[in-house]
Amino acid sequence: VLIQELELLQRESQNALLKLIEELPTKTLVFFTSKTEVGIRNTLLSRCFKIVLLPITKKNAMKFAEDNNIQEGLALKAYLVSDGNASFYKDQLATGTDKLPNNILLAKDFLERSVFKRQELIKNIIGKNNEAILFLDSLVLITKLGMRSTQSLQSQTRWKQNLKIVLKAKKMLSRRVSAKLVLLFLSVEII
């Protein structure tokens, strides 16, 4: 059995899967895929064997794009933004546009605003757990790219500190803290 994007399932669906795993018929394997652990119940995670797939290489990403007749510039941009995440890379290519996903643009805008402007910006995300997860994943990508692209030690330290704050927010969300509180925390803590 293969179940993809486990993190997007509602709590009730995850409870049903938990029951399935606990009463699994013999000679049956269940595979889950997920881009993140955020949003997956700890009780479900504790009963699974986790396999972390290595990020895709630039060479593999460009080969995939070539094999699928995708423009080299778009493929390179998607690869750089994906941070090696194959699903994110493929999703970006599937849009067929040269635009970054809305969550990436929202994350970039969020980081550039003041605390009060950030709180206005997150109003559309509050209460939507799945959108909060995608938004936080986008913030992780932006902060990692920021760390890589700067030469200044002071800027690298700031990006690293922001990454720690975002990862803390993701952890809070995975522990079922409300999206509203997590995003408000984030809007105040990010520097």
C-alpha atoms as a PDB file:
ATOM      1  CA  VAL A   1       0.000   0.000   0.000  1.00  0.00           C
ATOM      2  CA  LEU A   2       1.358   3.451  -0.927  1.00  0.00           C
ATOM      3  CA  ILE A   3      -0.047   6.614   0.654  1.00  0.00           C
ATOM      4  CA  GLN A   4       1.475   9.860  -0.577  1.00  0.00           C
ATOM      5  CA  GLU A   5       1.653  13.261   1.138  1.00  0.00           C
ATOM      6  CA  LEU A   6       0.852  11.941   4.595  1.00  0.00           C
ATOM      7  CA  GLU A   7       1.310  15.405   6.115  1.00  0.00           C
ATOM      8  CA  LEU A   8      -1.793  16.639   4.251  1.00  0.00           C
ATOM      9  CA  LEU A   9      -4.169  14.093   5.795  1.00  0.00           C
ATOM     10  CA  GLN A  10      -6.615  15.271   8.444  1.00  0.00           C
ATOM     11  CA  ARG A  11      -6.296  14.047  12.033  1.00  0.00           C
ATOM     12  CA  GLU A  12      -9.196  11.588  11.619  1.00  0.00           C
ATOM     13  CA  SER A  13      -7.575  10.033   8.543  1.00  0.00           C
ATOM     14  CA  GLN A  14      -4.284   9.673  10.385  1.00  0.00           C
ATOM     15  CA  ASN A  15      -6.126   7.970  13.257  1.00  0.00           C
ATOM     16  CA  ALA A  16      -7.582   5.452  10.785  1.00  0.00           C
ATOM     17  CA  LEU A  17      -4.085   4.784   9.405  1.00  0.00           C
ATOM     18  CA  LEU A  18      -2.815   4.275  12.930  1.00  0.00           C
ATOM     19  CA  LYS A  19      -5.432   1.563  13.436  1.00  0.00           C
ATOM     20  CA  LEU A  20      -4.441  -0.004  10.094  1.00  0.00           C
ATOM     21  CA  ILE A  21      -0.762  -0.103  11.074  1.00  0.00           C
ATOM     22  CA  GLU A  22      -1.495  -1.606  14.477  1.00  0.00           C
ATOM     23  CA  GLU A  23      -3.639  -4.381  12.920  1.00  0.00           C
ATOM     24  CA  LEU A  24      -1.659  -4.893   9.715  1.00  0.00           C
ATOM     25  CA  PRO A  25      -2.311  -8.215   7.938  1.00  0.00           C
ATOM     26  CA  THR A  26       0.717 -10.471   7.509  1.00  0.00           C
ATOM     27  CA  LYS A  27       2.828 -10.004   4.388  1.00  0.00           C
ATOM     28  CA  THR A  28       1.516  -6.450   3.976  1.00  0.00           C
ATOM     29  CA  LEU A  29       3.700  -3.381   3.693  1.00  0.00           C
ATOM     30  CA  VAL A  30       2.490   0.201   3.960  1.00  0.00           C
ATOM     31  CA  PHE A  31       4.608   3.045   2.575  1.00  0.00           C
ATOM     32  CA  PHE A  32       3.999   6.701   3.349  1.00  0.00           C
ATOM     33  CA  THR A  33       5.605   9.624   1.588  1.00  0.00           C
ATOM     34  CA  SER A  34       5.884  13.091   3.030  1.00  0.00           C
ATOM     35  CA  LYS A  35       7.749  16.296   2.312  1.00  0.00           C
ATOM     36  CA  THR A  36       7.823  17.120   6.023  1.00  0.00           C
ATOM     37  CA  GLU A  37       7.006  15.611   9.402  1.00  0.00           C
ATOM     38  CA  VAL A  38       5.048  18.725  10.318  1.00  0.00           C
ATOM     39  CA  GLY A  39       1.370  17.854  10.466  1.00  0.00           C
ATOM     40  CA  ILE A  40       1.920  14.122  11.044  1.00  0.00           C
ATOM     41  CA  ARG A  41       0.777  12.740  14.381  1.00  0.00           C
ATOM     42  CA  ASN A  42       3.634  11.671  16.654  1.00  0.00           C
ATOM     43  CA  THR A  43       1.826   8.408  17.443  1.00  0.00           C
ATOM     44  CA  LEU A  44       1.844   7.571  13.739  1.00  0.00           C
ATOM     45  CA  LEU A  45       5.494   8.589  13.274  1.00  0.00           C
ATOM     46  CA  SER A  46       6.564   6.457  16.229  1.00  0.00           C
ATOM     47  CA  ARG A  47       5.239   3.328  14.497  1.00  0.00           C
ATOM     48  CA  CYS A  48       6.996   3.950  11.196  1.00  0.00           C
ATOM     49  CA  PHE A  49      10.494   3.253   9.933  1.00  0.00           C
ATOM     50  CA  LYS A  50      11.783   6.501   8.465  1.00  0.00           C
ATOM     51  CA  ILE A  51      13.852   6.522   5.268  1.00  0.00           C
ATOM     52  CA  VAL A  52      15.308   9.889   4.323  1.00  0.00           C
ATOM     53  CA  LEU A  53      15.885  10.218   0.593  1.00  0.00           C
ATOM     54  CA  LEU A  54      18.917  12.143  -0.484  1.00  0.00           C
ATOM     55  CA  PRO A  55      18.297  15.426  -2.229  1.00  0.00           C
ATOM     56  CA  ILE A  56      18.442  15.375  -6.010  1.00  0.00           C
ATOM     57  CA  THR A  57      21.661  16.570  -7.573  1.00  0.00           C
ATOM     58  CA  LYS A  58      21.836  19.419 -10.036  1.00  0.00           C
ATOM     59  CA  LYS A  59      22.944  16.960 -12.716  1.00  0.00           C
ATOM     60  CA  ASN A  60      19.902  14.702 -12.119  1.00  0.00           C
ATOM     61  CA  ALA A  61      17.553  17.668 -12.004  1.00  0.00           C
ATOM     62  CA  MET A  62      18.833  19.036 -15.306  1.00  0.00           C
ATOM     63  CA  LYS A  63      18.696  15.560 -16.897  1.00  0.00           C
ATOM     64  CA  PHE A  64      15.064  15.194 -15.794  1.00  0.00           C
ATOM     65  CA  ALA A  65      14.270  18.581 -17.325  1.00  0.00           C
ATOM     66  CA  GLU A  66      16.029  17.701 -20.575  1.00  0.00           C
ATOM     67  CA  ASP A  67      14.216  14.341 -20.807  1.00  0.00           C
ATOM     68  CA  ASN A  68      10.895  16.139 -20.329  1.00  0.00           C
ATOM     69  CA  ASN A  69      11.620  19.021 -22.759  1.00  0.00           C
ATOM     70  CA  ILE A  70      11.670  21.645 -20.010  1.00  0.00           C
ATOM     71  CA  GLN A  71      13.487  24.902 -20.602  1.00  0.00           C
ATOM     72  CA  GLU A  72      16.957  24.917 -19.020  1.00  0.00           C
ATOM     73  CA  GLY A  73      16.495  28.316 -17.330  1.00  0.00           C
ATOM     74  CA  LEU A  74      13.253  27.240 -15.653  1.00  0.00           C
ATOM     75  CA  ALA A  75      14.805  23.922 -14.620  1.00  0.00           C
ATOM     76  CA  LEU A  76      17.807  25.639 -13.045  1.00  0.00           C
ATOM     77  CA  LYS A  77      15.623  28.151 -11.214  1.00  0.00           C
ATOM     78  CA  ALA A  78      13.347  25.371  -9.931  1.00  0.00           C
ATOM     79  CA  TYR A  79      16.362  23.360  -8.787  1.00  0.00           C
ATOM     80  CA  LEU A  80      17.907  26.281  -6.893  1.00  0.00           C
ATOM     81  CA  VAL A  81      14.642  27.076  -5.135  1.00  0.00           C
ATOM     82  CA  SER A  82      13.917  23.413  -4.356  1.00  0.00           C
ATOM     83  CA  ASP A  83      17.042  23.000  -2.223  1.00  0.00           C
ATOM     84  CA  GLY A  84      17.283  19.481  -3.639  1.00  0.00           C
ATOM     85  CA  ASN A  85      13.737  18.493  -2.658  1.00  0.00           C
ATOM     86  CA  ALA A  86      12.606  16.338  -5.597  1.00  0.00           C
ATOM     87  CA  SER A  87       8.868  16.823  -4.983  1.00  0.00           C
ATOM     88  CA  PHE A  88       9.201  20.589  -4.709  1.00  0.00           C
ATOM     89  CA  TYR A  89      11.360  20.636  -7.842  1.00  0.00           C
ATOM     90  CA  LYS A  90       8.828  18.598  -9.799  1.00  0.00           C
ATOM     91  CA  ASP A  91       5.911  20.735  -8.508  1.00  0.00           C
ATOM     92  CA  GLN A  92       7.724  23.882  -9.613  1.00  0.00           C
ATOM     93  CA  LEU A  93       8.316  22.465 -13.086  1.00  0.00           C
ATOM     94  CA  ALA A  94       4.686  21.339 -13.351  1.00  0.00           C
ATOM     95  CA  THR A  95       3.463  24.941 -13.139  1.00  0.00           C
ATOM     96  CA  GLY A  96       4.966  25.530 -16.581  1.00  0.00           C
ATOM     97  CA  THR A  97       5.700  29.154 -15.695  1.00  0.00           C
ATOM     98  CA  ASP A  98       8.782  31.097 -14.803  1.00  0.00           C
ATOM     99  CA  LYS A  99       7.186  32.319 -11.563  1.00  0.00           C
ATOM    100  CA  LEU A 100       8.169  31.179  -8.104  1.00  0.00           C
ATOM    101  CA  PRO A 101       5.400  29.499  -6.130  1.00  0.00           C
ATOM    102  CA  ASN A 102       3.144  31.934  -4.292  1.00  0.00           C
ATOM    103  CA  ASN A 103       4.359  30.671  -0.928  1.00  0.00           C
ATOM    104  CA  ILE A 104       7.975  31.498  -1.806  1.00  0.00           C
ATOM    105  CA  LEU A 105       6.982  35.039  -2.763  1.00  0.00           C
ATOM    106  CA  LEU A 106       4.853  35.322   0.370  1.00  0.00           C
ATOM    107  CA  ALA A 107       7.758  34.092   2.517  1.00  0.00           C
ATOM    108  CA  LYS A 108      10.146  36.587   0.921  1.00  0.00           C
ATOM    109  CA  ASP A 109       7.637  39.404   1.434  1.00  0.00           C
ATOM    110  CA  PHE A 110       7.097  38.277   5.046  1.00  0.00           C
ATOM    111  CA  LEU A 111      10.813  38.499   5.837  1.00  0.00           C
ATOM    112  CA  GLU A 112      11.099  42.007   4.406  1.00  0.00           C
ATOM    113  CA  ARG A 113       8.221  43.495   6.428  1.00  0.00           C
ATOM    114  CA  SER A 114       7.969  44.964   9.916  1.00  0.00           C
ATOM    115  CA  VAL A 115       6.345  42.985  12.736  1.00  0.00           C
ATOM    116  CA  PHE A 116       2.974  44.711  12.290  1.00  0.00           C
ATOM    117  CA  LYS A 117       3.001  44.303   8.509  1.00  0.00           C
ATOM    118  CA  ARG A 118       3.872  40.617   8.957  1.00  0.00           C
ATOM    119  CA  GLN A 119       0.826  40.138  11.151  1.00  0.00           C
ATOM    120  CA  GLU A 120      -1.369  41.668   8.445  1.00  0.00           C
ATOM    121  CA  LEU A 121       0.213  39.372   5.869  1.00  0.00           C
ATOM    122  CA  ILE A 122      -0.444  36.168   7.815  1.00  0.00           C
ATOM    123  CA  LYS A 123      -4.180  36.820   8.260  1.00  0.00           C
ATOM    124  CA  ASN A 124      -4.912  34.738   5.142  1.00  0.00           C
ATOM    125  CA  ILE A 125      -2.869  31.795   6.423  1.00  0.00           C
ATOM    126  CA  ILE A 126      -4.186  31.695   9.996  1.00  0.00           C
ATOM    127  CA  GLY A 127      -6.547  28.803  10.547  1.00  0.00           C
ATOM    128  CA  LYS A 128      -5.361  26.882   7.487  1.00  0.00           C
ATOM    129  CA  ASN A 129      -2.900  24.316   8.842  1.00  0.00           C
ATOM    130  CA  ASN A 130      -1.818  22.966   5.436  1.00  0.00           C
ATOM    131  CA  GLU A 131      -1.106  26.471   4.133  1.00  0.00           C
ATOM    132  CA  ALA A 132       0.871  27.239   7.278  1.00  0.00           C
ATOM    133  CA  ILE A 133       2.992  24.126   6.656  1.00  0.00           C
ATOM    134  CA  LEU A 134       3.703  25.177   3.058  1.00  0.00           C
ATOM    135  CA  PHE A 135       4.450  28.731   4.176  1.00  0.00           C
ATOM    136  CA  LEU A 136       6.939  27.494   6.802  1.00  0.00           C
ATOM    137  CA  ASP A 137       8.578  25.168   4.255  1.00  0.00           C
ATOM    138  CA  SER A 138       8.962  28.179   1.952  1.00  0.00           C
ATOM    139  CA  LEU A 139      10.523  30.208   4.771  1.00  0.00           C
ATOM    140  CA  VAL A 140      13.023  27.381   5.358  1.00  0.00           C
ATOM    141  CA  LEU A 141      14.007  27.458   1.682  1.00  0.00           C
ATOM    142  CA  ILE A 142      14.349  31.252   1.630  1.00  0.00           C
ATOM    143  CA  THR A 143      16.477  31.329   4.791  1.00  0.00           C
ATOM    144  CA  LYS A 144      18.750  28.551   3.508  1.00  0.00           C
ATOM    145  CA  LEU A 145      19.191  30.385   0.214  1.00  0.00           C
ATOM    146  CA  GLY A 146      19.914  33.574   2.146  1.00  0.00           C
ATOM    147  CA  MET A 147      22.617  31.833   4.164  1.00  0.00           C
ATOM    148  CA  ARG A 148      24.253  30.515   0.986  1.00  0.00           C
ATOM    149  CA  SER A 149      24.092  33.714  -1.003  1.00  0.00           C
ATOM    150  CA  THR A 150      25.647  36.153   1.449  1.00  0.00           C
ATOM    151  CA  GLN A 151      29.344  36.764   2.059  1.00  0.00           C
ATOM    152  CA  SER A 152      28.937  38.796   5.233  1.00  0.00           C
ATOM    153  CA  LEU A 153      29.362  36.913   8.502  1.00  0.00           C
ATOM    154  CA  GLN A 154      26.817  39.211  10.132  1.00  0.00           C
ATOM    155  CA  SER A 155      24.221  38.424   7.443  1.00  0.00           C
ATOM    156  CA  GLN A 156      24.946  34.697   7.611  1.00  0.00           C
ATOM    157  CA  THR A 157      24.425  34.816  11.384  1.00  0.00           C
ATOM    158  CA  ARG A 158      21.089  36.621  10.913  1.00  0.00           C
ATOM    159  CA  TRP A 159      19.912  34.096   8.296  1.00  0.00           C
ATOM    160  CA  LYS A 160      20.983  31.211  10.528  1.00  0.00           C
ATOM    161  CA  GLN A 161      19.129  32.681  13.509  1.00  0.00           C
ATOM    162  CA  ASN A 162      15.999  33.128  11.371  1.00  0.00           C
ATOM    163  CA  LEU A 163      16.282  29.526  10.160  1.00  0.00           C
ATOM    164  CA  LYS A 164      16.373  28.324  13.777  1.00  0.00           C
ATOM    165  CA  ILE A 165      13.249  30.367  14.537  1.00  0.00           C
ATOM    166  CA  VAL A 166      11.410  28.948  11.506  1.00  0.00           C
ATOM    167  CA  LEU A 167      12.412  25.382  12.426  1.00  0.00           C
ATOM    168  CA  LYS A 168      11.166  26.015  15.962  1.00  0.00           C
ATOM    169  CA  ALA A 169       7.855  27.229  14.506  1.00  0.00           C
ATOM    170  CA  LYS A 170       7.605  24.070  12.367  1.00  0.00           C
ATOM    171  CA  LYS A 171       8.184  21.965  15.457  1.00  0.00           C
ATOM    172  CA  MET A 172       5.477  23.865  17.331  1.00  0.00           C
ATOM    173  CA  LEU A 173       3.041  23.242  14.484  1.00  0.00           C
ATOM    174  CA  SER A 174       3.897  19.536  14.476  1.00  0.00           C
ATOM    175  CA  ARG A 175       2.986  19.443  18.167  1.00  0.00           C
ATOM    176  CA  ARG A 176      -0.478  20.729  17.305  1.00  0.00           C
ATOM    177  CA  VAL A 177       0.025  24.310  18.464  1.00  0.00           C
ATOM    178  CA  SER A 178      -2.532  26.382  16.561  1.00  0.00           C
ATOM    179  CA  ALA A 179      -1.368  27.861  13.277  1.00  0.00           C
ATOM    180  CA  LYS A 180      -2.427  31.298  14.520  1.00  0.00           C
ATOM    181  CA  LEU A 181      -0.134  31.165  17.566  1.00  0.00           C
ATOM    182  CA  VAL A 182       2.759  29.719  15.561  1.00  0.00           C
ATOM    183  CA  LEU A 183       2.515  32.422  12.889  1.00  0.00           C
ATOM    184  CA  LEU A 184       2.158  35.199  15.482  1.00  0.00           C
ATOM    185  CA  PHE A 185       5.243  33.831  17.263  1.00  0.00           C
ATOM    186  CA  LEU A 186       7.076  33.810  13.955  1.00  0.00           C
ATOM    187  CA  SER A 187       6.055  37.358  13.044  1.00  0.00           C
ATOM    188  CA  VAL A 188       7.521  38.672  16.300  1.00  0.00           C
ATOM    189  CA  GLU A 189      10.663  36.521  16.529  1.00  0.00           C
ATOM    190  CA  ILE A 190      12.027  36.810  12.971  1.00  0.00           C
ATOM    191  CA  ILE A 191      14.733  39.463  12.742  1.00  0.00           C
END
